[in-house]
Amino acid sequence: MSEEVKAKIFDRGFTTKGVGKATGLGMALSHQIITEKHKGTITCTSEYGICDCIAHQLE
């Protein structure tokens, strides 16, 4: 994914899908649950055009 997309991936309402196809809440909610409820971390590492990886760590 591009750096622009990666910078917004955990923003509430952000989606790469067309209008009416997604709400843009999935990654934002995942981020909130993992960081606030479980005191963990969630990160995105990606090299454009090769691989996307979402990793989380819980305490």
C-alpha atoms as a PDB file:
ATOM      1  CA  MET A   1       0.000   0.000   0.000  1.00  0.00           C
ATOM      2  CA  SER A   2       1.114   3.540  -0.556  1.00  0.00           C
ATOM      3  CA  GLU A   3       2.552   5.711   2.228  1.00  0.00           C
ATOM      4  CA  GLU A   4      -0.529   7.938   1.942  1.00  0.00           C
ATOM      5  CA  VAL A   5      -2.873   5.010   2.614  1.00  0.00           C
ATOM      6  CA  LYS A   6      -0.651   3.615   5.371  1.00  0.00           C
ATOM      7  CA  ALA A   7      -0.725   6.973   7.174  1.00  0.00           C
ATOM      8  CA  LYS A   8      -4.545   6.906   7.264  1.00  0.00           C
ATOM      9  CA  ILE A   9      -5.263   3.203   7.769  1.00  0.00           C
ATOM     10  CA  PHE A  10      -6.387   3.553  11.403  1.00  0.00           C
ATOM     11  CA  ASP A  11      -8.414   6.754  10.854  1.00  0.00           C
ATOM     12  CA  ARG A  12     -12.142   6.409  11.512  1.00  0.00           C
ATOM     13  CA  GLY A  13     -14.057   6.615   8.233  1.00  0.00           C
ATOM     14  CA  PHE A  14     -11.049   5.983   5.983  1.00  0.00           C
ATOM     15  CA  THR A  15     -11.594   3.425   3.237  1.00  0.00           C
ATOM     16  CA  THR A  16     -10.041   2.620  -0.099  1.00  0.00           C
ATOM     17  CA  LYS A  17     -13.316   1.142  -1.341  1.00  0.00           C
ATOM     18  CA  GLY A  18     -15.966   2.998  -3.309  1.00  0.00           C
ATOM     19  CA  VAL A  19     -18.922   4.874  -1.852  1.00  0.00           C
ATOM     20  CA  GLY A  20     -21.420   2.476  -0.291  1.00  0.00           C
ATOM     21  CA  LYS A  21     -18.963  -0.429  -0.271  1.00  0.00           C
ATOM     22  CA  ALA A  22     -17.430   0.036   3.188  1.00  0.00           C
ATOM     23  CA  THR A  23     -17.788   2.182   6.294  1.00  0.00           C
ATOM     24  CA  GLY A  24     -14.117   2.668   7.084  1.00  0.00           C
ATOM     25  CA  LEU A  25     -14.623   1.587  10.681  1.00  0.00           C
ATOM     26  CA  GLY A  26     -12.935  -1.830  10.778  1.00  0.00           C
ATOM     27  CA  MET A  27      -9.312  -0.818  11.272  1.00  0.00           C
ATOM     28  CA  ALA A  28     -10.241   2.190  13.439  1.00  0.00           C
ATOM     29  CA  LEU A  29     -12.269  -0.021  15.768  1.00  0.00           C
ATOM     30  CA  SER A  30      -9.535  -2.657  15.843  1.00  0.00           C
ATOM     31  CA  HIS A  31      -7.021   0.042  16.785  1.00  0.00           C
ATOM     32  CA  GLN A  32      -9.277   1.393  19.532  1.00  0.00           C
ATOM     33  CA  ILE A  33     -10.000  -2.027  21.048  1.00  0.00           C
ATOM     34  CA  ILE A  34      -6.396  -3.189  20.975  1.00  0.00           C
ATOM     35  CA  THR A  35      -4.863   0.047  22.292  1.00  0.00           C
ATOM     36  CA  GLU A  36      -7.502   1.200  24.782  1.00  0.00           C
ATOM     37  CA  LYS A  37      -9.079  -1.998  26.076  1.00  0.00           C
ATOM     38  CA  HIS A  38      -6.062  -4.298  25.963  1.00  0.00           C
ATOM     39  CA  LYS A  39      -3.237  -1.737  26.284  1.00  0.00           C
ATOM     40  CA  GLY A  40      -1.624  -3.282  23.229  1.00  0.00           C
ATOM     41  CA  THR A  41      -0.247  -2.054  19.948  1.00  0.00           C
ATOM     42  CA  ILE A  42      -1.288  -2.509  16.343  1.00  0.00           C
ATOM     43  CA  THR A  43       1.007  -1.591  13.478  1.00  0.00           C
ATOM     44  CA  CYS A  44       1.024  -1.730   9.715  1.00  0.00           C
ATOM     45  CA  THR A  45       4.175  -2.490   7.783  1.00  0.00           C
ATOM     46  CA  SER A  46       4.061  -2.449   4.028  1.00  0.00           C
ATOM     47  CA  GLU A  47       6.335  -2.154   1.058  1.00  0.00           C
ATOM     48  CA  TYR A  48       4.394  -0.732  -1.877  1.00  0.00           C
ATOM     49  CA  GLY A  49       3.412  -3.452  -4.315  1.00  0.00           C
ATOM     50  CA  ILE A  50       4.896  -6.325  -2.324  1.00  0.00           C
ATOM     51  CA  CYS A  51       3.174  -7.143   0.954  1.00  0.00           C
ATOM     52  CA  ASP A  52       0.871  -5.679   3.571  1.00  0.00           C
ATOM     53  CA  CYS A  53       1.097  -6.829   7.149  1.00  0.00           C
ATOM     54  CA  ILE A  54      -0.962  -5.888  10.195  1.00  0.00           C
ATOM     55  CA  ALA A  55       0.519  -6.965  13.516  1.00  0.00           C
ATOM     56  CA  HIS A  56      -0.795  -6.577  17.031  1.00  0.00           C
ATOM     57  CA  GLN A  57       0.633  -7.237  20.455  1.00  0.00           C
ATOM     58  CA  LEU A  58      -1.435  -7.502  23.613  1.00  0.00           C
ATOM     59  CA  GLU A  59      -0.188  -7.128  27.161  1.00  0.00           C
END
